Structures are given as C-alpha cells and as structure tokens.
Amino acid sequence: MSRTAKAKPADQAVHMVRIEPITVDRNAAAMLLGIAVSTLEAHVARGTLPKPRQLGGRALWLVDELRTTAHALPVSEMLPPPSGQQAA
C-alpha cells in the first residue's frame, strides 16, 4: 500500500444510504409511467390514474399509488415496433 493510501479501520466503514421518493411532481410521475405529461393529465381527468395530493401549492403523486395503478393495468397484446420503425 502506498504512503498516501491508508486503509480505513473497520469501524470507519462507509455506509451507503438509498433514499427513494415518496412523492413526485407531474413531470416525474409521467416519466415513471413512460408517458407524456399531457397523457398523464388526461388519464387523471378520466380517473384511470390517481389524482395528486396537495402539499401547499404543489400537486404531488404518491409513488406507491402510481406503482399500484400501473401493476393493475391490463396486459398488452401490442408489441413495440422493431427498432428504427414507427408504429402505424
């Protein structure tokens, strides 16, 4: 080991913490679902996606509700188009 690189004692080990969001704004909600913001808003208006929660002047979606709703969507029979081609 070189003079400048010292090993850390076991009691000084680095701990990584992963923090997952509880709520997301409309842009992140749309991104999580893989849809445009306008599509998110249309589905919320139709009731096919959950309404956001209000925190002060902000509209925030609960990530758990988005996940639960996404898992309950019907399984699609449509396949994505081959790479480089657009859907008809």
PDB file of N, CA and C in Angstrom:
ATOM      1  N   MET A   1       0.848  -1.159   0.000  1.00  0.00           N
ATOM      2  CA  MET A   1       0.000   0.000   0.000  1.00  0.00           C
ATOM      3  C   MET A   1       0.902   1.232   0.000  1.00  0.00           C
ATOM      4  N   SER A   2       0.536   2.249  -0.777  1.00  0.00           N
ATOM      5  CA  SER A   2       1.377   3.441  -0.842  1.00  0.00           C
ATOM      6  C   SER A   2       1.244   4.266   0.429  1.00  0.00           C
ATOM      7  N   ARG A   3       2.134   5.212   0.582  1.00  0.00           N
ATOM      8  CA  ARG A   3       2.117   6.058   1.779  1.00  0.00           C
ATOM      9  C   ARG A   3       0.851   6.917   1.865  1.00  0.00           C
ATOM     10  N   THR A   4       0.316   7.339   0.724  1.00  0.00           N
ATOM     11  CA  THR A   4      -0.849   8.232   0.741  1.00  0.00           C
ATOM     12  C   THR A   4      -2.163   7.485   0.887  1.00  0.00           C
ATOM     13  N   ALA A   5      -2.213   6.233   0.512  1.00  0.00           N
ATOM     14  CA  ALA A   5      -3.447   5.459   0.610  1.00  0.00           C
ATOM     15  C   ALA A   5      -3.423   4.638   1.888  1.00  0.00           C
ATOM     16  N   LYS A   6      -4.231   5.050   2.844  1.00  0.00           N
ATOM     17  CA  LYS A   6      -4.310   4.314   4.109  1.00  0.00           C
ATOM     18  C   LYS A   6      -5.627   3.556   4.171  1.00  0.00           C
ATOM     19  N   ALA A   7      -5.584   2.366   4.703  1.00  0.00           N
ATOM     20  CA  ALA A   7      -6.799   1.579   4.874  1.00  0.00           C
ATOM     21  C   ALA A   7      -7.600   2.144   6.041  1.00  0.00           C
ATOM     22  N   LYS A   8      -8.923   2.184   5.850  1.00  0.00           N
ATOM     23  CA  LYS A   8      -9.797   2.662   6.926  1.00  0.00           C
ATOM     24  C   LYS A   8     -10.044   1.534   7.907  1.00  0.00           C
ATOM     25  N   PRO A   9     -10.011   1.845   9.177  1.00  0.00           N
ATOM     26  CA  PRO A   9     -10.382   0.818  10.156  1.00  0.00           C
ATOM     27  C   PRO A   9     -11.825   0.375   9.934  1.00  0.00           C
ATOM     28  N   ALA A  10     -12.141  -0.836  10.335  1.00  0.00           N
ATOM     29  CA  ALA A  10     -13.483  -1.392  10.134  1.00  0.00           C
ATOM     30  C   ALA A  10     -14.573  -0.528  10.741  1.00  0.00           C
ATOM     31  N   ASP A  11     -14.288   0.163  11.853  1.00  0.00           N
ATOM     32  CA  ASP A  11     -15.331   0.978  12.491  1.00  0.00           C
ATOM     33  C   ASP A  11     -15.564   2.287  11.739  1.00  0.00           C
ATOM     34  N   GLN A  12     -14.782   2.593  10.715  1.00  0.00           N
ATOM     35  CA  GLN A  12     -14.972   3.791   9.914  1.00  0.00           C
ATOM     36  C   GLN A  12     -15.429   3.441   8.497  1.00  0.00           C
ATOM     37  N   ALA A  13     -16.067   2.314   8.330  1.00  0.00           N
ATOM     38  CA  ALA A  13     -16.536   1.891   7.013  1.00  0.00           C
ATOM     39  C   ALA A  13     -17.571   2.873   6.482  1.00  0.00           C
ATOM     40  N   VAL A  14     -17.592   3.049   5.178  1.00  0.00           N
ATOM     41  CA  VAL A  14     -18.539   3.940   4.529  1.00  0.00           C
ATOM     42  C   VAL A  14     -19.863   3.197   4.352  1.00  0.00           C
ATOM     43  N   HIS A  15     -20.958   3.841   4.718  1.00  0.00           N
ATOM     44  CA  HIS A  15     -22.286   3.259   4.574  1.00  0.00           C
ATOM     45  C   HIS A  15     -23.055   4.056   3.531  1.00  0.00           C
ATOM     46  N   MET A  16     -23.603   3.368   2.556  1.00  0.00           N
ATOM     47  CA  MET A  16     -24.405   3.998   1.524  1.00  0.00           C
ATOM     48  C   MET A  16     -25.871   3.929   1.937  1.00  0.00           C
ATOM     49  N   VAL A  17     -26.575   5.024   1.747  1.00  0.00           N
ATOM     50  CA  VAL A  17     -27.999   5.080   2.055  1.00  0.00           C
ATOM     51  C   VAL A  17     -28.744   5.379   0.772  1.00  0.00           C
ATOM     52  N   ARG A  18     -29.733   4.572   0.471  1.00  0.00           N
ATOM     53  CA  ARG A  18     -30.559   4.783  -0.725  1.00  0.00           C
ATOM     54  C   ARG A  18     -31.892   5.357  -0.280  1.00  0.00           C
ATOM     55  N   ILE A  19     -32.210   6.518  -0.764  1.00  0.00           N
ATOM     56  CA  ILE A  19     -33.460   7.180  -0.404  1.00  0.00           C
ATOM     57  C   ILE A  19     -34.363   7.198  -1.634  1.00  0.00           C
ATOM     58  N   GLU A  20     -35.512   6.580  -1.525  1.00  0.00           N
ATOM     59  CA  GLU A  20     -36.479   6.577  -2.622  1.00  0.00           C
ATOM     60  C   GLU A  20     -37.558   7.599  -2.324  1.00  0.00           C
ATOM     61  N   PRO A  21     -37.995   8.345  -3.344  1.00  0.00           N
ATOM     62  CA  PRO A  21     -39.019   9.365  -3.109  1.00  0.00           C
ATOM     63  C   PRO A  21     -40.376   8.747  -2.758  1.00  0.00           C
ATOM     64  N   ILE A  22     -41.114   9.447  -1.933  1.00  0.00           N
ATOM     65  CA  ILE A  22     -42.482   9.053  -1.584  1.00  0.00           C
ATOM     66  C   ILE A  22     -43.459   9.701  -2.552  1.00  0.00           C
ATOM     67  N   THR A  23     -43.150  10.950  -2.924  1.00  0.00           N
ATOM     68  CA  THR A  23     -43.987  11.689  -3.854  1.00  0.00           C
ATOM     69  C   THR A  23     -43.135  12.196  -5.011  1.00  0.00           C
ATOM     70  N   VAL A  24     -43.811  12.464  -6.144  1.00  0.00           N
ATOM     71  CA  VAL A  24     -43.152  13.029  -7.316  1.00  0.00           C
ATOM     72  C   VAL A  24     -44.059  14.075  -7.946  1.00  0.00           C
ATOM     73  N   ASP A  25     -43.458  15.025  -8.660  1.00  0.00           N
ATOM     74  CA  ASP A  25     -44.255  16.033  -9.360  1.00  0.00           C
ATOM     75  C   ASP A  25     -44.764  15.450 -10.680  1.00  0.00           C
ATOM     76  N   ARG A  26     -45.526  16.252 -11.428  1.00  0.00           N
ATOM     77  CA  ARG A  26     -46.161  15.737 -12.651  1.00  0.00           C
ATOM     78  C   ARG A  26     -45.140  15.272 -13.688  1.00  0.00           C
ATOM     79  N   ASN A  27     -44.027  15.967 -13.819  1.00  0.00           N
ATOM     80  CA  ASN A  27     -43.014  15.548 -14.794  1.00  0.00           C
ATOM     81  C   ASN A  27     -42.429  14.190 -14.426  1.00  0.00           C
ATOM     82  N   ALA A  28     -42.081  14.004 -13.153  1.00  0.00           N
ATOM     83  CA  ALA A  28     -41.515  12.733 -12.713  1.00  0.00           C
ATOM     84  C   ALA A  28     -42.566  11.621 -12.756  1.00  0.00           C
ATOM     85  N   ALA A  29     -43.829  11.942 -12.437  1.00  0.00           N
ATOM     86  CA  ALA A  29     -44.896  10.937 -12.499  1.00  0.00           C
ATOM     87  C   ALA A  29     -45.052  10.431 -13.926  1.00  0.00           C
ATOM     88  N   ALA A  30     -45.058  11.355 -14.886  1.00  0.00           N
ATOM     89  CA  ALA A  30     -45.165  10.961 -16.290  1.00  0.00           C
ATOM     90  C   ALA A  30     -43.959  10.126 -16.707  1.00  0.00           C
ATOM     91  N   MET A  31     -42.777  10.532 -16.257  1.00  0.00           N
ATOM     92  CA  MET A  31     -41.558   9.799 -16.605  1.00  0.00           C
ATOM     93  C   MET A  31     -41.584   8.392 -16.017  1.00  0.00           C
ATOM     94  N   LEU A  32     -42.038   8.257 -14.771  1.00  0.00           N
ATOM     95  CA  LEU A  32     -42.114   6.933 -14.151  1.00  0.00           C
ATOM     96  C   LEU A  32     -43.014   5.991 -14.957  1.00  0.00           C
ATOM     97  N   LEU A  33     -44.083   6.553 -15.514  1.00  0.00           N
ATOM     98  CA  LEU A  33     -45.035   5.734 -16.268  1.00  0.00           C
ATOM     99  C   LEU A  33     -44.664   5.603 -17.741  1.00  0.00           C
ATOM    100  N   GLY A  34     -43.684   6.378 -18.190  1.00  0.00           N
ATOM    101  CA  GLY A  34     -43.273   6.309 -19.591  1.00  0.00           C
ATOM    102  C   GLY A  34     -44.254   6.978 -20.531  1.00  0.00           C
ATOM    103  N   ILE A  35     -44.933   8.025 -20.060  1.00  0.00           N
ATOM    104  CA  ILE A  35     -45.922   8.736 -20.872  1.00  0.00           C
ATOM    105  C   ILE A  35     -45.633  10.232 -20.823  1.00  0.00           C
ATOM    106  N   ALA A  36     -46.274  10.976 -21.705  1.00  0.00           N
ATOM    107  CA  ALA A  36     -46.137  12.427 -21.723  1.00  0.00           C
ATOM    108  C   ALA A  36     -46.955  13.041 -20.585  1.00  0.00           C
ATOM    109  N   VAL A  37     -46.582  14.239 -20.183  1.00  0.00           N
ATOM    110  CA  VAL A  37     -47.315  14.938 -19.121  1.00  0.00           C
ATOM    111  C   VAL A  37     -48.774  15.138 -19.529  1.00  0.00           C
ATOM    112  N   SER A  38     -49.013  15.489 -20.789  1.00  0.00           N
ATOM    113  CA  SER A  38     -50.394  15.690 -21.255  1.00  0.00           C
ATOM    114  C   SER A  38     -51.200  14.390 -21.167  1.00  0.00           C
ATOM    115  N   THR A  39     -50.557  13.258 -21.424  1.00  0.00           N
ATOM    116  CA  THR A  39     -51.231  11.957 -21.312  1.00  0.00           C
ATOM    117  C   THR A  39     -51.526  11.648 -19.850  1.00  0.00           C
ATOM    118  N   LEU A  40     -50.582  11.943 -18.963  1.00  0.00           N
ATOM    119  CA  LEU A  40     -50.806  11.782 -17.520  1.00  0.00           C
ATOM    120  C   LEU A  40     -52.029  12.582 -17.095  1.00  0.00           C
ATOM    121  N   GLU A  41     -52.063  13.845 -17.487  1.00  0.00           N
ATOM    122  CA  GLU A  41     -53.173  14.717 -17.094  1.00  0.00           C
ATOM    123  C   GLU A  41     -54.510  14.221 -17.646  1.00  0.00           C
ATOM    124  N   ALA A  42     -54.502  13.704 -18.878  1.00  0.00           N
ATOM    125  CA  ALA A  42     -55.738  13.168 -19.465  1.00  0.00           C
ATOM    126  C   ALA A  42     -56.218  11.945 -18.699  1.00  0.00           C
ATOM    127  N   HIS A  43     -55.311  11.062 -18.311  1.00  0.00           N
ATOM    128  CA  HIS A  43     -55.696   9.864 -17.549  1.00  0.00           C
ATOM    129  C   HIS A  43     -56.188  10.231 -16.153  1.00  0.00           C
ATOM    130  N   VAL A  44     -55.584  11.225 -15.530  1.00  0.00           N
ATOM    131  CA  VAL A  44     -56.059  11.677 -14.217  1.00  0.00           C
ATOM    132  C   VAL A  44     -57.473  12.234 -14.351  1.00  0.00           C
ATOM    133  N   ALA A  45     -57.717  13.023 -15.399  1.00  0.00           N
ATOM    134  CA  ALA A  45     -59.049  13.601 -15.626  1.00  0.00           C
ATOM    135  C   ALA A  45     -60.101  12.514 -15.862  1.00  0.00           C
ATOM    136  N   ARG A  46     -59.711  11.414 -16.549  1.00  0.00           N
ATOM    137  CA  ARG A  46     -60.640  10.294 -16.811  1.00  0.00           C
ATOM    138  C   ARG A  46     -60.787   9.371 -15.617  1.00  0.00           C
ATOM    139  N   GLY A  47     -59.872   9.487 -14.659  1.00  0.00           N
ATOM    140  CA  GLY A  47     -59.932   8.608 -13.489  1.00  0.00           C
ATOM    141  C   GLY A  47     -59.183   7.303 -13.655  1.00  0.00           C
ATOM    142  N   THR A  48     -58.421   7.152 -14.735  1.00  0.00           N
ATOM    143  CA  THR A  48     -57.666   5.921 -14.931  1.00  0.00           C
ATOM    144  C   THR A  48     -56.303   5.965 -14.237  1.00  0.00           C
ATOM    145  N   LEU A  49     -55.894   7.138 -13.773  1.00  0.00           N
ATOM    146  CA  LEU A  49     -54.708   7.294 -12.935  1.00  0.00           C
ATOM    147  C   LEU A  49     -55.111   8.073 -11.691  1.00  0.00           C
ATOM    148  N   PRO A  50     -54.416   7.854 -10.582  1.00  0.00           N
ATOM    149  CA  PRO A  50     -54.795   8.532  -9.333  1.00  0.00           C
ATOM    150  C   PRO A  50     -54.587  10.041  -9.405  1.00  0.00           C
ATOM    151  N   LYS A  51     -55.391  10.747  -8.636  1.00  0.00           N
ATOM    152  CA  LYS A  51     -55.240  12.197  -8.511  1.00  0.00           C
ATOM    153  C   LYS A  51     -54.044  12.493  -7.617  1.00  0.00           C
ATOM    154  N   PRO A  52     -53.431  13.641  -7.845  1.00  0.00           N
ATOM    155  CA  PRO A  52     -52.291  14.003  -6.995  1.00  0.00           C
ATOM    156  C   PRO A  52     -52.747  14.436  -5.613  1.00  0.00           C
ATOM    157  N   ARG A  53     -51.806  14.473  -4.688  1.00  0.00           N
ATOM    158  CA  ARG A  53     -52.029  15.016  -3.354  1.00  0.00           C
ATOM    159  C   ARG A  53     -51.577  16.468  -3.377  1.00  0.00           C
ATOM    160  N   GLN A  54     -52.096  17.251  -2.467  1.00  0.00           N
ATOM    161  CA  GLN A  54     -51.714  18.659  -2.412  1.00  0.00           C
ATOM    162  C   GLN A  54     -50.841  18.930  -1.203  1.00  0.00           C
ATOM    163  N   LEU A  55     -49.719  19.566  -1.432  1.00  0.00           N
ATOM    164  CA  LEU A  55     -48.811  19.988  -0.368  1.00  0.00           C
ATOM    165  C   LEU A  55     -48.519  21.456  -0.636  1.00  0.00           C
ATOM    166  N   GLY A  56     -49.151  22.320   0.136  1.00  0.00           N
ATOM    167  CA  GLY A  56     -49.041  23.748  -0.133  1.00  0.00           C
ATOM    168  C   GLY A  56     -49.641  24.032  -1.499  1.00  0.00           C
ATOM    169  N   GLY A  57     -48.887  24.668  -2.359  1.00  0.00           N
ATOM    170  CA  GLY A  57     -49.359  24.963  -3.705  1.00  0.00           C
ATOM    171  C   GLY A  57     -48.905  23.952  -4.734  1.00  0.00           C
ATOM    172  N   ARG A  58     -48.430  22.798  -4.301  1.00  0.00           N
ATOM    173  CA  ARG A  58     -47.904  21.798  -5.222  1.00  0.00           C
ATOM    174  C   ARG A  58     -48.803  20.577  -5.318  1.00  0.00           C
ATOM    175  N   ALA A  59     -48.872  20.016  -6.514  1.00  0.00           N
ATOM    176  CA  ALA A  59     -49.576  18.758  -6.759  1.00  0.00           C
ATOM    177  C   ALA A  59     -48.521  17.667  -6.841  1.00  0.00           C
ATOM    178  N   LEU A  60     -48.628  16.671  -5.971  1.00  0.00           N
ATOM    179  CA  LEU A  60     -47.645  15.590  -5.904  1.00  0.00           C
ATOM    180  C   LEU A  60     -48.343  14.238  -5.925  1.00  0.00           C
ATOM    181  N   TRP A  61     -47.792  13.319  -6.701  1.00  0.00           N
ATOM    182  CA  TRP A  61     -48.344  11.970  -6.770  1.00  0.00           C
ATOM    183  C   TRP A  61     -47.593  11.055  -5.823  1.00  0.00           C
ATOM    184  N   LEU A  62     -48.316  10.172  -5.150  1.00  0.00           N
ATOM    185  CA  LEU A  62     -47.690   9.153  -4.317  1.00  0.00           C
ATOM    186  C   LEU A  62     -47.136   8.063  -5.234  1.00  0.00           C
ATOM    187  N   VAL A  63     -45.860   7.787  -5.126  1.00  0.00           N
ATOM    188  CA  VAL A  63     -45.203   6.789  -5.965  1.00  0.00           C
ATOM    189  C   VAL A  63     -45.872   5.428  -5.791  1.00  0.00           C
ATOM    190  N   ASP A  64     -46.230   5.073  -4.567  1.00  0.00           N
ATOM    191  CA  ASP A  64     -46.888   3.786  -4.320  1.00  0.00           C
ATOM    192  C   ASP A  64     -48.212   3.674  -5.075  1.00  0.00           C
ATOM    193  N   GLU A  65     -48.988   4.769  -5.132  1.00  0.00           N
ATOM    194  CA  GLU A  65     -50.262   4.732  -5.861  1.00  0.00           C
ATOM    195  C   GLU A  65     -50.022   4.583  -7.361  1.00  0.00           C
ATOM    196  N   LEU A  66     -49.002   5.262  -7.881  1.00  0.00           N
ATOM    197  CA  LEU A  66     -48.682   5.119  -9.301  1.00  0.00           C
ATOM    198  C   LEU A  66     -48.258   3.687  -9.609  1.00  0.00           C
ATOM    199  N   ARG A  67     -47.442   3.108  -8.738  1.00  0.00           N
ATOM    200  CA  ARG A  67     -46.995   1.725  -8.943  1.00  0.00           C
ATOM    201  C   ARG A  67     -48.165   0.745  -8.890  1.00  0.00           C
ATOM    202  N   THR A  68     -49.027   0.909  -7.887  1.00  0.00           N
ATOM    203  CA  THR A  68     -50.182   0.020  -7.738  1.00  0.00           C
ATOM    204  C   THR A  68     -51.086   0.107  -8.960  1.00  0.00           C
ATOM    205  N   THR A  69     -51.334   1.331  -9.427  1.00  0.00           N
ATOM    206  CA  THR A  69     -52.178   1.519 -10.600  1.00  0.00           C
ATOM    207  C   THR A  69     -51.533   0.903 -11.835  1.00  0.00           C
ATOM    208  N   ALA A  70     -50.232   1.104 -12.005  1.00  0.00           N
ATOM    209  CA  ALA A  70     -49.532   0.554 -13.167  1.00  0.00           C
ATOM    210  C   ALA A  70     -49.570  -0.977 -13.155  1.00  0.00           C
ATOM    211  N   HIS A  71     -49.412  -1.588 -11.980  1.00  0.00           N
ATOM    212  CA  HIS A  71     -49.446  -3.052 -11.884  1.00  0.00           C
ATOM    213  C   HIS A  71     -50.838  -3.607 -12.190  1.00  0.00           C
ATOM    214  N   ALA A  72     -51.876  -2.801 -12.011  1.00  0.00           N
ATOM    215  CA  ALA A  72     -53.247  -3.250 -12.262  1.00  0.00           C
ATOM    216  C   ALA A  72     -53.684  -3.046 -13.716  1.00  0.00           C
ATOM    217  N   LEU A  73     -52.853  -2.400 -14.532  1.00  0.00           N
ATOM    218  CA  LEU A  73     -53.209  -2.191 -15.939  1.00  0.00           C
ATOM    219  C   LEU A  73     -53.285  -3.530 -16.657  1.00  0.00           C
ATOM    220  N   PRO A  74     -54.152  -3.608 -17.670  1.00  0.00           N
ATOM    221  CA  PRO A  74     -54.237  -4.874 -18.407  1.00  0.00           C
ATOM    222  C   PRO A  74     -52.945  -5.148 -19.168  1.00  0.00           C
ATOM    223  N   VAL A  75     -52.677  -6.422 -19.379  1.00  0.00           N
ATOM    224  CA  VAL A  75     -51.509  -6.838 -20.149  1.00  0.00           C
ATOM    225  C   VAL A  75     -51.791  -6.540 -21.613  1.00  0.00           C
ATOM    226  N   SER A  76     -50.821  -5.930 -22.285  1.00  0.00           N
ATOM    227  CA  SER A  76     -50.999  -5.532 -23.682  1.00  0.00           C
ATOM    228  C   SER A  76     -50.678  -6.677 -24.621  1.00  0.00           C
ATOM    229  N   GLU A  77     -51.433  -6.759 -25.700  1.00  0.00           N
ATOM    230  CA  GLU A  77     -51.155  -7.712 -26.771  1.00  0.00           C
ATOM    231  C   GLU A  77     -50.297  -7.043 -27.842  1.00  0.00           C
ATOM    232  N   MET A  78     -50.117  -5.711 -27.751  1.00  0.00           N
ATOM    233  CA  MET A  78     -49.339  -4.978 -28.745  1.00  0.00           C
ATOM    234  C   MET A  78     -47.856  -5.131 -28.436  1.00  0.00           C
ATOM    235  N   LEU A  79     -47.087  -5.386 -29.478  1.00  0.00           N
ATOM    236  CA  LEU A  79     -45.641  -5.442 -29.341  1.00  0.00           C
ATOM    237  C   LEU A  79     -45.065  -4.110 -29.809  1.00  0.00           C
ATOM    238  N   PRO A  80     -43.949  -3.704 -29.245  1.00  0.00           N
ATOM    239  CA  PRO A  80     -43.336  -2.480 -29.742  1.00  0.00           C
ATOM    240  C   PRO A  80     -42.838  -2.697 -31.169  1.00  0.00           C
ATOM    241  N   PRO A  81     -42.785  -1.615 -31.967  1.00  0.00           N
ATOM    242  CA  PRO A  81     -42.291  -1.781 -33.348  1.00  0.00           C
ATOM    243  C   PRO A  81     -40.813  -2.144 -33.335  1.00  0.00           C
ATOM    244  N   PRO A  82     -40.353  -2.810 -34.385  1.00  0.00           N
ATOM    245  CA  PRO A  82     -38.924  -3.138 -34.468  1.00  0.00           C
ATOM    246  C   PRO A  82     -38.087  -1.858 -34.385  1.00  0.00           C
ATOM    247  N   SER A  83     -36.908  -1.955 -33.909  1.00  0.00           N
ATOM    248  CA  SER A  83     -36.016  -0.814 -33.746  1.00  0.00           C
ATOM    249  C   SER A  83     -35.894  -0.041 -35.054  1.00  0.00           C
ATOM    250  N   GLY A  84     -36.074   1.282 -34.980  1.00  0.00           N
ATOM    251  CA  GLY A  84     -35.930   2.131 -36.152  1.00  0.00           C
ATOM    252  C   GLY A  84     -37.215   2.315 -36.947  1.00  0.00           C
ATOM    253  N   GLN A  85     -38.298   1.651 -36.565  1.00  0.00           N
ATOM    254  CA  GLN A  85     -39.574   1.797 -37.273  1.00  0.00           C
ATOM    255  C   GLN A  85     -40.598   2.434 -36.354  1.00  0.00           C
ATOM    256  N   GLN A  86     -41.504   3.195 -36.945  1.00  0.00           N
ATOM    257  CA  GLN A  86     -42.582   3.815 -36.181  1.00  0.00           C
ATOM    258  C   GLN A  86     -43.830   2.973 -36.276  1.00  0.00           C
ATOM    259  N   ALA A  87     -44.660   3.070 -35.228  1.00  0.00           N
ATOM    260  CA  ALA A  87     -45.930   2.328 -35.224  1.00  0.00           C
ATOM    261  C   ALA A  87     -46.870   2.920 -36.259  1.00  0.00           C
ATOM    262  N   ALA A  88     -47.704   2.073 -36.853  1.00  0.00           N
ATOM    263  CA  ALA A  88     -48.665   2.544 -37.865  1.00  0.00           C
ATOM    264  C   ALA A  88     -49.868   3.174 -37.228  1.00  0.00           C
TER     265      ALA A  88
END
